[in-house]
Amino acid sequence: MKLADVSHGPKWILWVSIAVLAVLSIVLLSGHGSSLVSGYNTEPQKEKEKYDAKKLSRTTGIGMSVITLLLLFMAVFERVLPADFAYLAGGIIVVDALFIVIGCNTVCRKR
């Protein structure tokens, strides 16, 4: 059974989602958009000063780019990939999210 056999719904929703994630990834990779990072924009100014906003944006952008490319790969090759690839993709997304959280809390802190 292929991935296309188990995916239901209109294809345009997937492509619009990929486009939105790609635009957000580009904004974050450019070092802007730190207000889009969950939790950072709600912190008090004193807490925000502990983080490098540009590094925070780039770290989040790299993680989001991985997810965007994975979804793009799945969309393009859905007729070739086995249906079980969805489980592998879910695992990759979870591991990527863990790396984003760890990276934001270690690499992005000012010393």
PDB file of N, CA and C in Angstrom:
ATOM      1  N   MET A   1       0.848  -1.166   0.000  1.00  0.00           N
ATOM      2  CA  MET A   1       0.000   0.000   0.000  1.00  0.00           C
ATOM      3  C   MET A   1       0.907   1.247   0.000  1.00  0.00           C
ATOM      4  N   LYS A   2       0.561   2.182  -0.839  1.00  0.00           N
ATOM      5  CA  LYS A   2       1.341   3.408  -0.991  1.00  0.00           C
ATOM      6  C   LYS A   2       0.761   4.532  -0.135  1.00  0.00           C
ATOM      7  N   LEU A   3       1.553   5.564   0.067  1.00  0.00           N
ATOM      8  CA  LEU A   3       1.134   6.714   0.853  1.00  0.00           C
ATOM      9  C   LEU A   3      -0.068   7.408   0.216  1.00  0.00           C
ATOM     10  N   ALA A   4      -0.122   7.410  -1.108  1.00  0.00           N
ATOM     11  CA  ALA A   4      -1.244   8.043  -1.815  1.00  0.00           C
ATOM     12  C   ALA A   4      -2.556   7.300  -1.560  1.00  0.00           C
ATOM     13  N   ASP A   5      -2.481   6.000  -1.262  1.00  0.00           N
ATOM     14  CA  ASP A   5      -3.690   5.224  -1.011  1.00  0.00           C
ATOM     15  C   ASP A   5      -4.349   5.582   0.315  1.00  0.00           C
ATOM     16  N   VAL A   6      -3.566   6.039   1.271  1.00  0.00           N
ATOM     17  CA  VAL A   6      -4.121   6.335   2.592  1.00  0.00           C
ATOM     18  C   VAL A   6      -4.308   7.823   2.834  1.00  0.00           C
ATOM     19  N   SER A   7      -3.820   8.655   1.930  1.00  0.00           N
ATOM     20  CA  SER A   7      -4.012  10.098   2.106  1.00  0.00           C
ATOM     21  C   SER A   7      -5.320  10.510   1.452  1.00  0.00           C
ATOM     22  N   HIS A   8      -6.126  11.210   2.209  1.00  0.00           N
ATOM     23  CA  HIS A   8      -7.439  11.632   1.731  1.00  0.00           C
ATOM     24  C   HIS A   8      -7.544  13.141   1.831  1.00  0.00           C
ATOM     25  N   GLY A   9      -8.461  13.690   1.100  1.00  0.00           N
ATOM     26  CA  GLY A   9      -8.663  15.131   1.159  1.00  0.00           C
ATOM     27  C   GLY A   9      -8.066  15.833  -0.046  1.00  0.00           C
ATOM     28  N   PRO A  10      -8.395  17.093  -0.187  1.00  0.00           N
ATOM     29  CA  PRO A  10      -7.888  17.850  -1.336  1.00  0.00           C
ATOM     30  C   PRO A  10      -6.380  18.092  -1.238  1.00  0.00           C
ATOM     31  N   LYS A  11      -5.709  17.965  -2.371  1.00  0.00           N
ATOM     32  CA  LYS A  11      -4.254  18.127  -2.421  1.00  0.00           C
ATOM     33  C   LYS A  11      -3.832  19.587  -2.229  1.00  0.00           C
ATOM     34  N   TRP A  12      -4.700  20.529  -2.559  1.00  0.00           N
ATOM     35  CA  TRP A  12      -4.319  21.933  -2.474  1.00  0.00           C
ATOM     36  C   TRP A  12      -4.051  22.352  -1.034  1.00  0.00           C
ATOM     37  N   ILE A  13      -4.684  21.697  -0.075  1.00  0.00           N
ATOM     38  CA  ILE A  13      -4.450  22.032   1.332  1.00  0.00           C
ATOM     39  C   ILE A  13      -3.006  21.710   1.712  1.00  0.00           C
ATOM     40  N   LEU A  14      -2.512  20.579   1.236  1.00  0.00           N
ATOM     41  CA  LEU A  14      -1.132  20.192   1.501  1.00  0.00           C
ATOM     42  C   LEU A  14      -0.163  21.190   0.878  1.00  0.00           C
ATOM     43  N   TRP A  15      -0.415  21.589  -0.374  1.00  0.00           N
ATOM     44  CA  TRP A  15       0.492  22.507  -1.064  1.00  0.00           C
ATOM     45  C   TRP A  15       0.454  23.908  -0.457  1.00  0.00           C
ATOM     46  N   VAL A  16      -0.707  24.349  -0.020  1.00  0.00           N
ATOM     47  CA  VAL A  16      -0.787  25.660   0.651  1.00  0.00           C
ATOM     48  C   VAL A  16      -0.038  25.599   1.983  1.00  0.00           C
ATOM     49  N   SER A  17      -0.172  24.503   2.704  1.00  0.00           N
ATOM     50  CA  SER A  17       0.544  24.344   3.974  1.00  0.00           C
ATOM     51  C   SER A  17       2.054  24.360   3.762  1.00  0.00           C
ATOM     52  N   ILE A  18       2.519  23.676   2.727  1.00  0.00           N
ATOM     53  CA  ILE A  18       3.948  23.661   2.423  1.00  0.00           C
ATOM     54  C   ILE A  18       4.421  25.069   2.070  1.00  0.00           C
ATOM     55  N   ALA A  19       3.629  25.792   1.292  1.00  0.00           N
ATOM     56  CA  ALA A  19       4.009  27.162   0.909  1.00  0.00           C
ATOM     57  C   ALA A  19       4.086  28.082   2.126  1.00  0.00           C
ATOM     58  N   VAL A  20       3.110  27.977   3.028  1.00  0.00           N
ATOM     59  CA  VAL A  20       3.110  28.809   4.238  1.00  0.00           C
ATOM     60  C   VAL A  20       4.312  28.462   5.117  1.00  0.00           C
ATOM     61  N   LEU A  21       4.584  27.183   5.300  1.00  0.00           N
ATOM     62  CA  LEU A  21       5.742  26.780   6.106  1.00  0.00           C
ATOM     63  C   LEU A  21       7.049  27.230   5.466  1.00  0.00           C
ATOM     64  N   ALA A  22       7.124  27.199   4.136  1.00  0.00           N
ATOM     65  CA  ALA A  22       8.336  27.647   3.446  1.00  0.00           C
ATOM     66  C   ALA A  22       8.559  29.144   3.652  1.00  0.00           C
ATOM     67  N   VAL A  23       7.498  29.926   3.553  1.00  0.00           N
ATOM     68  CA  VAL A  23       7.626  31.376   3.765  1.00  0.00           C
ATOM     69  C   VAL A  23       8.053  31.663   5.203  1.00  0.00           C
ATOM     70  N   LEU A  24       7.435  30.990   6.159  1.00  0.00           N
ATOM     71  CA  LEU A  24       7.820  31.187   7.561  1.00  0.00           C
ATOM     72  C   LEU A  24       9.258  30.751   7.816  1.00  0.00           C
ATOM     73  N   SER A  25       9.690  29.674   7.175  1.00  0.00           N
ATOM     74  CA  SER A  25      11.072  29.218   7.322  1.00  0.00           C
ATOM     75  C   SER A  25      12.044  30.259   6.797  1.00  0.00           C
ATOM     76  N   ILE A  26      11.725  30.848   5.659  1.00  0.00           N
ATOM     77  CA  ILE A  26      12.597  31.870   5.073  1.00  0.00           C
ATOM     78  C   ILE A  26      12.675  33.094   5.982  1.00  0.00           C
ATOM     79  N   VAL A  27      11.538  33.499   6.521  1.00  0.00           N
ATOM     80  CA  VAL A  27      11.529  34.650   7.434  1.00  0.00           C
ATOM     81  C   VAL A  27      12.380  34.355   8.660  1.00  0.00           C
ATOM     82  N   LEU A  28      12.248  33.176   9.220  1.00  0.00           N
ATOM     83  CA  LEU A  28      13.028  32.828  10.411  1.00  0.00           C
ATOM     84  C   LEU A  28      14.506  32.652  10.092  1.00  0.00           C
ATOM     85  N   LEU A  29      14.824  32.048   8.951  1.00  0.00           N
ATOM     86  CA  LEU A  29      16.223  31.861   8.581  1.00  0.00           C
ATOM     87  C   LEU A  29      16.937  33.178   8.318  1.00  0.00           C
ATOM     88  N   SER A  30      16.175  34.190   7.922  1.00  0.00           N
ATOM     89  CA  SER A  30      16.790  35.491   7.677  1.00  0.00           C
ATOM     90  C   SER A  30      17.147  36.217   8.983  1.00  0.00           C
ATOM     91  N   GLY A  31      16.757  35.636  10.112  1.00  0.00           N
ATOM     92  CA  GLY A  31      17.076  36.239  11.409  1.00  0.00           C
ATOM     93  C   GLY A  31      15.982  37.137  11.940  1.00  0.00           C
ATOM     94  N   HIS A  32      14.924  37.285  11.190  1.00  0.00           N
ATOM     95  CA  HIS A  32      13.786  38.088  11.628  1.00  0.00           C
ATOM     96  C   HIS A  32      12.699  37.143  12.138  1.00  0.00           C
ATOM     97  N   GLY A  33      11.661  37.679  12.652  1.00  0.00           N
ATOM     98  CA  GLY A  33      10.535  36.841  13.056  1.00  0.00           C
ATOM     99  C   GLY A  33      10.697  36.182  14.400  1.00  0.00           C
ATOM    100  N   SER A  34      11.508  36.756  15.279  1.00  0.00           N
ATOM    101  CA  SER A  34      11.636  36.157  16.609  1.00  0.00           C
ATOM    102  C   SER A  34      10.309  36.230  17.362  1.00  0.00           C
ATOM    103  N   SER A  35       9.434  37.144  16.939  1.00  0.00           N
ATOM    104  CA  SER A  35       8.121  37.223  17.579  1.00  0.00           C
ATOM    105  C   SER A  35       7.242  36.030  17.194  1.00  0.00           C
ATOM    106  N   LEU A  36       7.652  35.266  16.172  1.00  0.00           N
ATOM    107  CA  LEU A  36       6.902  34.080  15.781  1.00  0.00           C
ATOM    108  C   LEU A  36       7.280  32.848  16.599  1.00  0.00           C
ATOM    109  N   VAL A  37       8.364  32.938  17.364  1.00  0.00           N
ATOM    110  CA  VAL A  37       8.821  31.808  18.172  1.00  0.00           C
ATOM    111  C   VAL A  37       7.944  31.710  19.412  1.00  0.00           C
ATOM    112  N   SER A  38       7.368  30.552  19.586  1.00  0.00           N
ATOM    113  CA  SER A  38       6.427  30.344  20.681  1.00  0.00           C
ATOM    114  C   SER A  38       7.114  30.537  22.025  1.00  0.00           C
ATOM    115  N   GLY A  39       6.502  31.350  22.851  1.00  0.00           N
ATOM    116  CA  GLY A  39       7.008  31.595  24.195  1.00  0.00           C
ATOM    117  C   GLY A  39       7.954  32.764  24.293  1.00  0.00           C
ATOM    118  N   TYR A  40       8.701  33.038  23.235  1.00  0.00           N
ATOM    119  CA  TYR A  40       9.674  34.133  23.299  1.00  0.00           C
ATOM    120  C   TYR A  40       8.978  35.487  23.340  1.00  0.00           C
ATOM    121  N   ASN A  41       7.942  35.644  22.542  1.00  0.00           N
ATOM    122  CA  ASN A  41       7.286  36.957  22.479  1.00  0.00           C
ATOM    123  C   ASN A  41       6.436  37.254  23.702  1.00  0.00           C
ATOM    124  N   THR A  42       6.142  36.251  24.530  1.00  0.00           N
ATOM    125  CA  THR A  42       5.341  36.479  25.731  1.00  0.00           C
ATOM    126  C   THR A  42       6.200  36.633  26.985  1.00  0.00           C
ATOM    127  N   GLU A  43       7.515  36.429  26.827  1.00  0.00           N
ATOM    128  CA  GLU A  43       8.400  36.572  27.978  1.00  0.00           C
ATOM    129  C   GLU A  43       8.583  38.042  28.339  1.00  0.00           C
ATOM    130  N   PRO A  44       8.852  38.319  29.607  1.00  0.00           N
ATOM    131  CA  PRO A  44       9.178  39.695  29.990  1.00  0.00           C
ATOM    132  C   PRO A  44      10.508  40.118  29.358  1.00  0.00           C
ATOM    133  N   GLN A  45      10.716  41.399  29.249  1.00  0.00           N
ATOM    134  CA  GLN A  45      11.920  41.926  28.602  1.00  0.00           C
ATOM    135  C   GLN A  45      13.198  41.430  29.285  1.00  0.00           C
ATOM    136  N   LYS A  46      13.145  41.259  30.593  1.00  0.00           N
ATOM    137  CA  LYS A  46      14.316  40.787  31.334  1.00  0.00           C
ATOM    138  C   LYS A  46      14.711  39.371  30.902  1.00  0.00           C
ATOM    139  N   GLU A  47      13.727  38.527  30.630  1.00  0.00           N
ATOM    140  CA  GLU A  47      13.997  37.166  30.165  1.00  0.00           C
ATOM    141  C   GLU A  47      14.451  37.160  28.711  1.00  0.00           C
ATOM    142  N   LYS A  48      13.895  38.057  27.898  1.00  0.00           N
ATOM    143  CA  LYS A  48      14.279  38.129  26.492  1.00  0.00           C
ATOM    144  C   LYS A  48      15.745  38.506  26.327  1.00  0.00           C
ATOM    145  N   GLU A  49      16.269  39.267  27.255  1.00  0.00           N
ATOM    146  CA  GLU A  49      17.661  39.700  27.184  1.00  0.00           C
ATOM    147  C   GLU A  49      18.641  38.548  27.373  1.00  0.00           C
ATOM    148  N   LYS A  50      18.176  37.420  27.872  1.00  0.00           N
ATOM    149  CA  LYS A  50      19.036  36.253  28.068  1.00  0.00           C
ATOM    150  C   LYS A  50      19.273  35.486  26.774  1.00  0.00           C
ATOM    151  N   TYR A  51      18.505  35.786  25.721  1.00  0.00           N
ATOM    152  CA  TYR A  51      18.588  35.044  24.465  1.00  0.00           C
ATOM    153  C   TYR A  51      19.056  35.943  23.326  1.00  0.00           C
ATOM    154  N   ASP A  52      19.757  35.358  22.383  1.00  0.00           N
ATOM    155  CA  ASP A  52      20.133  36.040  21.150  1.00  0.00           C
ATOM    156  C   ASP A  52      18.985  35.823  20.166  1.00  0.00           C
ATOM    157  N   ALA A  53      18.240  36.880  19.881  1.00  0.00           N
ATOM    158  CA  ALA A  53      17.026  36.766  19.065  1.00  0.00           C
ATOM    159  C   ALA A  53      17.334  36.272  17.656  1.00  0.00           C
ATOM    160  N   LYS A  54      18.451  36.687  17.085  1.00  0.00           N
ATOM    161  CA  LYS A  54      18.811  36.268  15.727  1.00  0.00           C
ATOM    162  C   LYS A  54      19.136  34.777  15.683  1.00  0.00           C
ATOM    163  N   LYS A  55      19.891  34.293  16.667  1.00  0.00           N
ATOM    164  CA  LYS A  55      20.193  32.861  16.737  1.00  0.00           C
ATOM    165  C   LYS A  55      18.930  32.051  16.995  1.00  0.00           C
ATOM    166  N   LEU A  56      18.063  32.577  17.828  1.00  0.00           N
ATOM    167  CA  LEU A  56      16.807  31.914  18.137  1.00  0.00           C
ATOM    168  C   LEU A  56      15.962  31.765  16.876  1.00  0.00           C
ATOM    169  N   SER A  57      15.887  32.816  16.088  1.00  0.00           N
ATOM    170  CA  SER A  57      15.119  32.768  14.848  1.00  0.00           C
ATOM    171  C   SER A  57      15.726  31.777  13.868  1.00  0.00           C
ATOM    172  N   ARG A  58      17.029  31.802  13.739  1.00  0.00           N
ATOM    173  CA  ARG A  58      17.694  30.897  12.791  1.00  0.00           C
ATOM    174  C   ARG A  58      17.586  29.443  13.214  1.00  0.00           C
ATOM    175  N   THR A  59      17.724  29.178  14.493  1.00  0.00           N
ATOM    176  CA  THR A  59      17.594  27.802  14.983  1.00  0.00           C
ATOM    177  C   THR A  59      16.191  27.271  14.722  1.00  0.00           C
ATOM    178  N   THR A  60      15.200  28.080  15.005  1.00  0.00           N
ATOM    179  CA  THR A  60      13.819  27.674  14.750  1.00  0.00           C
ATOM    180  C   THR A  60      13.572  27.536  13.256  1.00  0.00           C
ATOM    181  N   GLY A  61      14.152  28.423  12.453  1.00  0.00           N
ATOM    182  CA  GLY A  61      13.999  28.354  11.004  1.00  0.00           C
ATOM    183  C   GLY A  61      14.603  27.098  10.409  1.00  0.00           C
ATOM    184  N   ILE A  62      15.753  26.674  10.926  1.00  0.00           N
ATOM    185  CA  ILE A  62      16.371  25.439  10.444  1.00  0.00           C
ATOM    186  C   ILE A  62      15.477  24.246  10.750  1.00  0.00           C
ATOM    187  N   GLY A  63      14.958  24.201  11.967  1.00  0.00           N
ATOM    188  CA  GLY A  63      14.059  23.102  12.327  1.00  0.00           C
ATOM    189  C   GLY A  63      12.789  23.098  11.505  1.00  0.00           C
ATOM    190  N   MET A  64      12.241  24.273  11.254  1.00  0.00           N
ATOM    191  CA  MET A  64      11.030  24.350  10.447  1.00  0.00           C
ATOM    192  C   MET A  64      11.314  23.989   8.989  1.00  0.00           C
ATOM    193  N   SER A  65      12.512  24.298   8.516  1.00  0.00           N
ATOM    194  CA  SER A  65      12.884  23.937   7.149  1.00  0.00           C
ATOM    195  C   SER A  65      12.960  22.422   6.973  1.00  0.00           C
ATOM    196  N   VAL A  66      13.450  21.739   7.995  1.00  0.00           N
ATOM    197  CA  VAL A  66      13.504  20.277   7.936  1.00  0.00           C
ATOM    198  C   VAL A  66      12.090  19.712   7.791  1.00  0.00           C
ATOM    199  N   ILE A  67      11.170  20.219   8.571  1.00  0.00           N
ATOM    200  CA  ILE A  67       9.788  19.745   8.502  1.00  0.00           C
ATOM    201  C   ILE A  67       9.162  20.091   7.154  1.00  0.00           C
ATOM    202  N   THR A  68       9.438  21.286   6.648  1.00  0.00           N
ATOM    203  CA  THR A  68       8.902  21.705   5.353  1.00  0.00           C
ATOM    204  C   THR A  68       9.425  20.815   4.235  1.00  0.00           C
ATOM    205  N   LEU A  69      10.724  20.543   4.242  1.00  0.00           N
ATOM    206  CA  LEU A  69      11.307  19.690   3.208  1.00  0.00           C
ATOM    207  C   LEU A  69      10.789  18.262   3.302  1.00  0.00           C
ATOM    208  N   LEU A  70      10.562  17.787   4.502  1.00  0.00           N
ATOM    209  CA  LEU A  70      10.007  16.447   4.679  1.00  0.00           C
ATOM    210  C   LEU A  70       8.591  16.366   4.103  1.00  0.00           C
ATOM    211  N   LEU A  71       7.771  17.372   4.379  1.00  0.00           N
ATOM    212  CA  LEU A  71       6.413  17.390   3.822  1.00  0.00           C
ATOM    213  C   LEU A  71       6.438  17.517   2.306  1.00  0.00           C
ATOM    214  N   LEU A  72       7.354  18.321   1.783  1.00  0.00           N
ATOM    215  CA  LEU A  72       7.495  18.458   0.333  1.00  0.00           C
ATOM    216  C   LEU A  72       7.908  17.130  -0.291  1.00  0.00           C
ATOM    217  N   PHE A  73       8.841  16.446   0.320  1.00  0.00           N
ATOM    218  CA  PHE A  73       9.280  15.138  -0.150  1.00  0.00           C
ATOM    219  C   PHE A  73       8.117  14.145  -0.165  1.00  0.00           C
ATOM    220  N   MET A  74       7.324  14.169   0.898  1.00  0.00           N
ATOM    221  CA  MET A  74       6.181  13.260   0.968  1.00  0.00           C
ATOM    222  C   MET A  74       5.121  13.607  -0.066  1.00  0.00           C
ATOM    223  N   ALA A  75       4.923  14.884  -0.335  1.00  0.00           N
ATOM    224  CA  ALA A  75       3.919  15.295  -1.310  1.00  0.00           C
ATOM    225  C   ALA A  75       4.334  14.919  -2.728  1.00  0.00           C
ATOM    226  N   VAL A  76       5.599  15.089  -3.029  1.00  0.00           N
ATOM    227  CA  VAL A  76       6.079  14.796  -4.387  1.00  0.00           C
ATOM    228  C   VAL A  76       6.120  13.291  -4.646  1.00  0.00           C
ATOM    229  N   PHE A  77       6.533  12.526  -3.672  1.00  0.00           N
ATOM    230  CA  PHE A  77       6.723  11.083  -3.859  1.00  0.00           C
ATOM    231  C   PHE A  77       5.643  10.237  -3.190  1.00  0.00           C
ATOM    232  N   GLU A  78       4.439  10.773  -3.044  1.00  0.00           N
ATOM    233  CA  GLU A  78       3.396  10.022  -2.345  1.00  0.00           C
ATOM    234  C   GLU A  78       2.960   8.766  -3.101  1.00  0.00           C
ATOM    235  N   ARG A  79       3.134   8.733  -4.394  1.00  0.00           N
ATOM    236  CA  ARG A  79       2.759   7.542  -5.183  1.00  0.00           C
ATOM    237  C   ARG A  79       3.833   6.459  -5.129  1.00  0.00           C
ATOM    238  N   VAL A  80       5.008   6.791  -4.633  1.00  0.00           N
ATOM    239  CA  VAL A  80       6.122   5.846  -4.580  1.00  0.00           C
ATOM    240  C   VAL A  80       6.367   5.360  -3.154  1.00  0.00           C
ATOM    241  N   LEU A  81       6.206   6.253  -2.184  1.00  0.00           N
ATOM    242  CA  LEU A  81       6.516   5.925  -0.791  1.00  0.00           C
ATOM    243  C   LEU A  81       5.494   4.952  -0.203  1.00  0.00           C
ATOM    244  N   PRO A  82       5.962   4.026   0.627  1.00  0.00           N
ATOM    245  CA  PRO A  82       5.008   3.138   1.301  1.00  0.00           C
ATOM    246  C   PRO A  82       4.212   3.908   2.355  1.00  0.00           C
ATOM    247  N   ALA A  83       3.062   3.388   2.705  1.00  0.00           N
ATOM    248  CA  ALA A  83       2.184   4.051   3.676  1.00  0.00           C
ATOM    249  C   ALA A  83       2.846   4.144   5.043  1.00  0.00           C
ATOM    250  N   ASP A  84       3.711   3.202   5.362  1.00  0.00           N
ATOM    251  CA  ASP A  84       4.386   3.220   6.663  1.00  0.00           C
ATOM    252  C   ASP A  84       5.389   4.353   6.792  1.00  0.00           C
ATOM    253  N   PHE A  85       5.700   5.026   5.697  1.00  0.00           N
ATOM    254  CA  PHE A  85       6.630   6.157   5.752  1.00  0.00           C
ATOM    255  C   PHE A  85       6.058   7.279   6.609  1.00  0.00           C
ATOM    256  N   ALA A  86       4.743   7.331   6.754  1.00  0.00           N
ATOM    257  CA  ALA A  86       4.120   8.362   7.593  1.00  0.00           C
ATOM    258  C   ALA A  86       4.577   8.224   9.048  1.00  0.00           C
ATOM    259  N   TYR A  87       4.789   6.991   9.505  1.00  0.00           N
ATOM    260  CA  TYR A  87       5.280   6.783  10.871  1.00  0.00           C
ATOM    261  C   TYR A  87       6.722   7.274  11.007  1.00  0.00           C
ATOM    262  N   LEU A  88       7.531   7.006  10.002  1.00  0.00           N
ATOM    263  CA  LEU A  88       8.910   7.480  10.013  1.00  0.00           C
ATOM    264  C   LEU A  88       8.948   9.012   9.984  1.00  0.00           C
ATOM    265  N   ALA A  89       8.100   9.601   9.172  1.00  0.00           N
ATOM    266  CA  ALA A  89       8.034  11.063   9.095  1.00  0.00           C
ATOM    267  C   ALA A  89       7.602  11.653  10.431  1.00  0.00           C
ATOM    268  N   GLY A  90       6.648  11.044  11.077  1.00  0.00           N
ATOM    269  CA  GLY A  90       6.223  11.513  12.401  1.00  0.00           C
ATOM    270  C   GLY A  90       7.355  11.439  13.409  1.00  0.00           C
ATOM    271  N   GLY A  91       8.137  10.376  13.362  1.00  0.00           N
ATOM    272  CA  GLY A  91       9.290  10.253  14.250  1.00  0.00           C
ATOM    273  C   GLY A  91      10.344  11.310  13.973  1.00  0.00           C
ATOM    274  N   ILE A  92      10.582  11.585  12.690  1.00  0.00           N
ATOM    275  CA  ILE A  92      11.553  12.621  12.320  1.00  0.00           C
ATOM    276  C   ILE A  92      11.092  13.981  12.833  1.00  0.00           C
ATOM    277  N   ILE A  93       9.805  14.262  12.726  1.00  0.00           N
ATOM    278  CA  ILE A  93       9.271  15.543  13.193  1.00  0.00           C
ATOM    279  C   ILE A  93       9.414  15.677  14.711  1.00  0.00           C
ATOM    280  N   VAL A  94       9.170  14.603  15.442  1.00  0.00           N
ATOM    281  CA  VAL A  94       9.314  14.640  16.907  1.00  0.00           C
ATOM    282  C   VAL A  94      10.768  14.871  17.299  1.00  0.00           C
ATOM    283  N   VAL A  95      11.693  14.154  16.648  1.00  0.00           N
ATOM    284  CA  VAL A  95      13.120  14.329  16.952  1.00  0.00           C
ATOM    285  C   VAL A  95      13.568  15.742  16.581  1.00  0.00           C
ATOM    286  N   ASP A  96      13.081  16.256  15.453  1.00  0.00           N
ATOM    287  CA  ASP A  96      13.413  17.613  15.038  1.00  0.00           C
ATOM    288  C   ASP A  96      12.899  18.636  16.050  1.00  0.00           C
ATOM    289  N   ALA A  97      11.703  18.439  16.540  1.00  0.00           N
ATOM    290  CA  ALA A  97      11.148  19.350  17.550  1.00  0.00           C
ATOM    291  C   ALA A  97      11.986  19.319  18.830  1.00  0.00           C
ATOM    292  N   LEU A  98      12.458  18.138  19.216  1.00  0.00           N
ATOM    293  CA  LEU A  98      13.335  18.050  20.388  1.00  0.00           C
ATOM    294  C   LEU A  98      14.635  18.815  20.166  1.00  0.00           C
ATOM    295  N   PHE A  99      15.215  18.678  18.964  1.00  0.00           N
ATOM    296  CA  PHE A  99      16.439  19.415  18.655  1.00  0.00           C
ATOM    297  C   PHE A  99      16.200  20.920  18.665  1.00  0.00           C
ATOM    298  N   ILE A 100      15.041  21.355  18.196  1.00  0.00           N
ATOM    299  CA  ILE A 100      14.720  22.780  18.213  1.00  0.00           C
ATOM    300  C   ILE A 100      14.659  23.288  19.657  1.00  0.00           C
ATOM    301  N   VAL A 101      13.972  22.560  20.509  1.00  0.00           N
ATOM    302  CA  VAL A 101      13.832  22.982  21.911  1.00  0.00           C
ATOM    303  C   VAL A 101      15.192  22.986  22.607  1.00  0.00           C
ATOM    304  N   ILE A 102      15.970  21.947  22.418  1.00  0.00           N
ATOM    305  CA  ILE A 102      17.288  21.883  23.051  1.00  0.00           C
ATOM    306  C   ILE A 102      18.196  22.971  22.502  1.00  0.00           C
ATOM    307  N   GLY A 103      18.162  23.172  21.190  1.00  0.00           N
ATOM    308  CA  GLY A 103      18.997  24.216  20.577  1.00  0.00           C
ATOM    309  C   GLY A 103      18.628  25.598  21.053  1.00  0.00           C
ATOM    310  N   CYS A 104      17.333  25.858  21.166  1.00  0.00           N
ATOM    311  CA  CYS A 104      16.899  27.185  21.612  1.00  0.00           C
ATOM    312  C   CYS A 104      17.274  27.458  23.061  1.00  0.00           C
ATOM    313  N   ASN A 105      17.351  26.411  23.860  1.00  0.00           N
ATOM    314  CA  ASN A 105      17.670  26.601  25.271  1.00  0.00           C
ATOM    315  C   ASN A 105      19.155  26.507  25.588  1.00  0.00           C
ATOM    316  N   THR A 106      19.982  26.100  24.620  1.00  0.00           N
ATOM    317  CA  THR A 106      21.420  26.012  24.871  1.00  0.00           C
ATOM    318  C   THR A 106      22.198  26.964  23.957  1.00  0.00           C
ATOM    319  N   VAL A 107      22.084  26.771  22.670  1.00  0.00           N
ATOM    320  CA  VAL A 107      22.873  27.540  21.706  1.00  0.00           C
ATOM    321  C   VAL A 107      22.466  29.003  21.681  1.00  0.00           C
ATOM    322  N   CYS A 108      21.206  29.279  21.863  1.00  0.00           N
ATOM    323  CA  CYS A 108      20.679  30.633  21.684  1.00  0.00           C
ATOM    324  C   CYS A 108      20.791  31.508  22.922  1.00  0.00           C
ATOM    325  N   ARG A 109      21.256  30.966  24.016  1.00  0.00           N
ATOM    326  CA  ARG A 109      21.422  31.781  25.238  1.00  0.00           C
ATOM    327  C   ARG A 109      22.687  32.614  25.134  1.00  0.00           C
ATOM    328  N   LYS A 110      22.579  33.837  25.614  1.00  0.00           N
ATOM    329  CA  LYS A 110      23.763  34.696  25.675  1.00  0.00           C
ATOM    330  C   LYS A 110      24.617  34.264  26.846  1.00  0.00           C
ATOM    331  N   ARG A 111      25.908  34.402  26.668  1.00  0.00           N
ATOM    332  CA  ARG A 111      26.812  33.983  27.751  1.00  0.00           C
ATOM    333  C   ARG A 111      27.384  35.170  28.442  1.00  0.00           C
TER     334      ARG A 111
END
